[in-house]
Amino acid sequence: MKSVRDGGSRIVRGIAVVDIEKISDANLMELHDAGVRGLRINKQADGKSTDLNALKDTILQTASRIQYLPGWKIQLFCAPAMWEVALPVQVIADHVGGMLALSKLQLNAATSSLDDTTKQPGFEALVKLARASKAIVKLSGFYRLSDRTESGCDDMEPIVKALVEAVPHRLVWGSDWPHTGEGKDRVNRGLEAVEEFREIDDARIIQNLRSWVEDEKAWMGLMVQNPAGFYA
């Protein structure tokens, strides 16, 4: 928050993680004045399965608290199955909505036979939500979705290209820096344990991304115009 305040609320924007049951309306307004424009719900960080009905209730509760804050949105990191559920409010789908690249899909028995990553469960539903202006898809955290980090997560290409073709006006980019560990690695680990950041070749990933987004208008939308509008 100090960085956001020091940067000036006219040029810096943030997404906050709070305890929605404890934070006051006055505190939320303070966050808004500092440049915050949304709250993040992360159902992947602890490595446990998600109750979709409970998650929907959490979304509704969060939406009711931020409905009077101009420009605020809910940023959601969840399993792809969530996109099949009717969402009550517009959300930001973090980390490409959890869509997995081929190298990750092949590790899952339920999807190991898929050879087209755009056919995985949840992808079509996510695109429909984006087309209906119910979802903004953040192209971020590729290394969480692909095991091909040594090649800049190049097997994310089909997913990215399909999204750029279908909903270029609903996409934003995110670095996901600093690069934390996986939720599954935190199961049964004490809170006092130090989690090391991962070394990720961000330059390689961005180079790949630029080669996949060939249209200049789509690229400027992804990197400049779309986020400027979404986080005004």
Protein backbone atom coordinates (compact mmCIF):
# COMPACT_ATOMS: atom_id res chain seq x y z
CA MET A 1 0.00 0.00 0.00
CA LYS A 2 2.89 2.36 0.67
CA SER A 3 4.08 1.85 -2.90
CA VAL A 4 0.61 2.57 -4.27
CA ARG A 5 0.30 5.72 -2.19
CA ASP A 6 3.81 6.87 -3.05
CA GLY A 7 3.10 6.32 -6.75
CA GLY A 8 0.05 8.52 -6.65
CA SER A 9 -3.48 7.18 -7.12
CA ARG A 10 -3.75 8.75 -10.57
CA ILE A 11 -1.13 6.47 -12.09
CA VAL A 12 -0.96 3.38 -9.85
CA ARG A 13 -3.68 0.78 -9.37
CA GLY A 14 -3.87 -2.19 -7.02
CA ILE A 15 -5.93 -5.28 -6.21
CA ALA A 16 -6.14 -6.01 -2.47
CA VAL A 17 -6.47 -9.19 -0.41
CA VAL A 18 -8.54 -8.57 2.73
CA ASP A 19 -10.70 -10.37 5.26
CA ILE A 20 -14.07 -9.31 3.88
CA GLU A 21 -15.81 -10.15 7.16
CA LYS A 22 -13.57 -7.89 9.22
CA ILE A 23 -12.68 -4.92 7.04
CA SER A 24 -14.81 -1.81 7.50
CA ASP A 25 -16.42 0.29 4.78
CA ALA A 26 -14.17 3.16 5.84
CA ASN A 27 -11.09 1.00 5.31
CA LEU A 28 -12.35 -0.01 1.86
CA MET A 29 -12.78 3.65 0.96
CA GLU A 30 -9.23 4.34 2.15
CA LEU A 31 -8.04 1.61 -0.21
CA HIS A 32 -10.01 3.19 -3.04
CA ASP A 33 -8.48 6.61 -2.38
CA ALA A 34 -5.04 4.98 -2.47
CA GLY A 35 -5.70 3.51 -5.93
CA VAL A 36 -7.08 0.05 -5.18
CA ARG A 37 -9.75 -1.06 -7.67
CA GLY A 38 -10.72 -4.53 -6.56
CA LEU A 39 -10.39 -7.50 -4.22
CA ARG A 40 -8.79 -10.86 -4.92
CA ILE A 41 -10.29 -14.22 -4.01
CA ASN A 42 -7.74 -17.03 -4.24
CA LYS A 43 -9.07 -20.58 -4.02
CA GLN A 44 -5.91 -22.21 -5.35
CA ALA A 45 -3.29 -21.05 -2.85
CA ASP A 46 -3.87 -23.73 -0.23
CA GLY A 47 -3.88 -26.64 -2.67
CA LYS A 48 -7.28 -27.86 -1.47
CA SER A 49 -10.38 -28.59 -3.54
CA THR A 50 -12.98 -25.85 -3.88
CA ASP A 51 -16.68 -26.04 -3.02
CA LEU A 52 -18.20 -24.17 -5.97
CA ASN A 53 -21.36 -23.21 -4.10
CA ALA A 54 -19.34 -21.86 -1.19
CA LEU A 55 -17.17 -19.94 -3.63
CA LYS A 56 -20.24 -18.42 -5.25
CA ASP A 57 -21.45 -17.32 -1.80
CA THR A 58 -18.05 -15.70 -1.16
CA ILE A 59 -18.27 -13.87 -4.48
CA LEU A 60 -21.76 -12.58 -3.62
CA GLN A 61 -20.63 -11.46 -0.17
CA THR A 62 -17.62 -9.67 -1.62
CA ALA A 63 -19.70 -8.08 -4.38
CA SER A 64 -22.16 -6.68 -1.85
CA ARG A 65 -19.32 -4.95 0.01
CA ILE A 66 -17.73 -3.30 -3.02
CA GLN A 67 -20.82 -2.44 -5.06
CA TYR A 68 -20.65 1.25 -4.15
CA LEU A 69 -16.94 1.61 -4.90
CA PRO A 70 -16.55 2.96 -8.45
CA GLY A 71 -14.65 0.72 -10.84
CA TRP A 72 -14.07 -2.09 -8.34
CA LYS A 73 -14.01 -5.70 -9.49
CA ILE A 74 -13.44 -9.13 -8.01
CA GLN A 75 -10.29 -10.92 -9.15
CA LEU A 76 -10.71 -14.67 -8.96
CA PHE A 77 -8.10 -17.44 -9.06
CA CYS A 78 -9.93 -20.74 -9.12
CA ALA A 79 -10.25 -24.07 -10.87
CA PRO A 80 -11.57 -23.92 -14.47
CA ALA A 81 -14.79 -25.67 -13.40
CA MET A 82 -15.91 -22.42 -11.77
CA TRP A 83 -16.51 -20.83 -15.16
CA GLU A 84 -19.35 -23.30 -15.76
CA VAL A 85 -21.22 -21.73 -12.81
CA ALA A 86 -23.46 -18.71 -13.41
CA LEU A 87 -21.48 -15.79 -12.01
CA PRO A 88 -23.46 -13.10 -10.17
CA VAL A 89 -21.00 -10.29 -10.98
CA GLN A 90 -18.21 -9.40 -13.38
CA VAL A 91 -14.85 -10.88 -12.39
CA ILE A 92 -11.22 -10.80 -13.45
CA ALA A 93 -10.16 -14.37 -14.28
CA ASP A 94 -6.65 -14.56 -12.88
CA HIS A 95 -3.93 -16.64 -14.54
CA VAL A 96 -5.87 -17.30 -17.77
CA GLY A 97 -8.77 -18.63 -15.75
CA GLY A 98 -6.64 -21.58 -14.67
CA MET A 99 -6.55 -23.04 -18.19
CA LEU A 100 -3.73 -25.57 -18.42
CA ALA A 101 -1.20 -25.98 -21.21
CA LEU A 102 -0.73 -29.40 -22.78
CA SER A 103 2.26 -30.28 -20.59
CA LYS A 104 0.05 -29.93 -17.49
CA LEU A 105 -3.09 -31.46 -18.97
CA GLN A 106 -1.21 -34.64 -19.81
CA LEU A 107 -0.40 -35.12 -16.12
CA ASN A 108 -4.10 -35.29 -15.24
CA ALA A 109 -5.84 -38.61 -15.85
CA ALA A 110 -9.11 -36.86 -16.68
CA THR A 111 -7.57 -34.76 -19.46
CA SER A 112 -4.51 -36.78 -20.50
CA SER A 113 -6.09 -37.74 -23.84
CA LEU A 114 -6.76 -34.15 -24.90
CA ASP A 115 -4.56 -32.82 -27.68
CA ASP A 116 -6.38 -29.48 -28.08
CA THR A 117 -6.08 -27.29 -24.99
CA THR A 118 -8.99 -25.11 -26.08
CA LYS A 119 -11.26 -28.13 -25.59
CA GLN A 120 -10.48 -28.51 -21.90
CA PRO A 121 -13.32 -28.16 -19.38
CA GLY A 122 -14.17 -24.54 -18.63
CA PHE A 123 -12.49 -22.92 -21.64
CA GLU A 124 -15.62 -22.41 -23.74
CA ALA A 125 -17.53 -21.19 -20.69
CA LEU A 126 -14.79 -18.66 -19.91
CA VAL A 127 -14.87 -17.32 -23.47
CA LYS A 128 -18.66 -16.98 -23.27
CA LEU A 129 -18.38 -15.03 -20.03
CA ALA A 130 -15.79 -12.73 -21.58
CA ARG A 131 -17.96 -12.17 -24.65
CA ALA A 132 -20.87 -11.28 -22.37
CA SER A 133 -18.66 -8.77 -20.49
CA LYS A 134 -18.90 -10.91 -17.35
CA ALA A 135 -15.21 -11.77 -17.27
CA ILE A 136 -11.88 -10.09 -17.93
CA VAL A 137 -9.14 -12.64 -18.59
CA LYS A 138 -5.67 -11.90 -17.26
CA LEU A 139 -2.83 -13.44 -19.26
CA SER A 140 -0.49 -14.12 -16.36
CA GLY A 141 1.18 -16.89 -14.39
CA PHE A 142 1.95 -19.03 -17.44
CA TYR A 143 4.53 -20.97 -15.41
CA ARG A 144 1.68 -22.11 -13.13
CA LEU A 145 -0.16 -23.55 -16.12
CA SER A 146 2.70 -25.09 -18.08
CA ASP A 147 5.62 -27.38 -17.27
CA ARG A 148 7.64 -26.00 -20.20
CA THR A 149 9.19 -23.12 -18.31
CA GLU A 150 12.57 -23.69 -19.97
CA SER A 151 11.00 -22.67 -23.30
CA GLY A 152 9.00 -19.76 -21.97
CA CYS A 153 5.83 -21.85 -21.54
CA ASP A 154 5.50 -22.16 -25.31
CA ASP A 155 2.64 -24.65 -25.07
CA MET A 156 0.39 -21.82 -23.86
CA GLU A 157 0.31 -20.58 -27.46
CA PRO A 158 -2.97 -22.24 -28.57
CA ILE A 159 -4.84 -20.93 -25.53
CA VAL A 160 -3.52 -17.39 -25.89
CA LYS A 161 -4.17 -17.25 -29.63
CA ALA A 162 -7.72 -18.54 -29.18
CA LEU A 163 -8.46 -15.88 -26.55
CA VAL A 164 -6.92 -13.11 -28.63
CA GLU A 165 -9.04 -14.14 -31.60
CA ALA A 166 -12.26 -14.46 -29.58
CA VAL A 167 -12.11 -11.66 -26.99
CA PRO A 168 -9.15 -9.29 -27.55
CA HIS A 169 -11.02 -6.44 -25.85
CA ARG A 170 -11.39 -8.46 -22.62
CA LEU A 171 -7.73 -9.33 -22.03
CA VAL A 172 -5.05 -7.83 -19.80
CA TRP A 173 -1.48 -8.90 -19.12
CA GLY A 174 0.12 -9.49 -15.73
CA SER A 175 3.69 -10.38 -14.74
CA ASP A 176 2.67 -12.38 -11.62
CA TRP A 177 5.85 -11.10 -9.99
CA PRO A 178 7.22 -12.06 -7.51
CA HIS A 179 6.87 -15.71 -8.43
CA THR A 180 5.54 -17.63 -5.44
CA GLY A 181 5.17 -21.39 -5.08
CA GLU A 182 2.21 -23.66 -5.74
CA GLY A 183 -0.73 -24.25 -3.43
CA LYS A 184 -0.14 -28.01 -3.43
CA ASP A 185 3.30 -27.42 -1.94
CA ARG A 186 1.76 -25.62 1.06
CA VAL A 187 -0.42 -28.51 2.17
CA ASN A 188 0.66 -29.65 5.67
CA ARG A 189 3.41 -27.02 5.74
CA GLY A 190 3.64 -24.75 8.76
CA LEU A 191 2.99 -21.04 8.46
CA GLU A 192 6.46 -20.32 9.83
CA ALA A 193 8.14 -22.05 6.87
CA VAL A 194 9.88 -19.68 4.47
CA GLU A 195 8.71 -20.04 0.87
CA GLU A 196 11.35 -19.29 -1.72
CA PHE A 197 10.42 -17.33 -4.83
CA ARG A 198 10.86 -19.13 -8.13
CA GLU A 199 13.26 -18.05 -10.84
CA ILE A 200 11.24 -17.47 -14.01
CA ASP A 201 12.51 -16.22 -17.36
CA ASP A 202 10.00 -13.39 -17.71
CA ALA A 203 11.72 -11.97 -20.78
CA ARG A 204 11.32 -15.27 -22.64
CA ILE A 205 7.64 -15.48 -21.72
CA ILE A 206 6.98 -11.92 -22.89
CA GLN A 207 8.84 -12.58 -26.14
CA ASN A 208 6.64 -15.61 -26.74
CA LEU A 209 3.51 -13.65 -25.88
CA ARG A 210 4.42 -10.89 -28.33
CA SER A 211 4.93 -13.43 -31.11
CA TRP A 212 1.52 -14.98 -30.42
CA VAL A 213 -0.32 -11.64 -30.40
CA GLU A 214 0.53 -10.61 -33.94
CA ASP A 215 -2.11 -7.91 -34.37
CA GLU A 216 -0.77 -4.54 -33.20
CA LYS A 217 -4.19 -3.30 -32.13
CA ALA A 218 -4.74 -6.41 -30.01
CA TRP A 219 -1.27 -6.03 -28.47
CA MET A 220 -1.84 -2.39 -27.52
CA GLY A 221 -5.22 -3.33 -26.11
CA LEU A 222 -3.73 -6.11 -24.00
CA MET A 223 -0.84 -4.06 -22.65
CA VAL A 224 -2.23 -0.51 -22.52
CA GLN A 225 -5.79 0.31 -23.50
CA ASN A 226 -7.74 -2.53 -21.89
CA PRO A 227 -6.18 -2.19 -18.41
CA ALA A 228 -6.46 1.60 -18.59
CA GLY A 229 -10.20 1.19 -19.03
CA PHE A 230 -10.74 -1.67 -16.59
CA TYR A 231 -8.78 -0.07 -13.74
CA ALA A 232 -9.77 3.58 -14.25
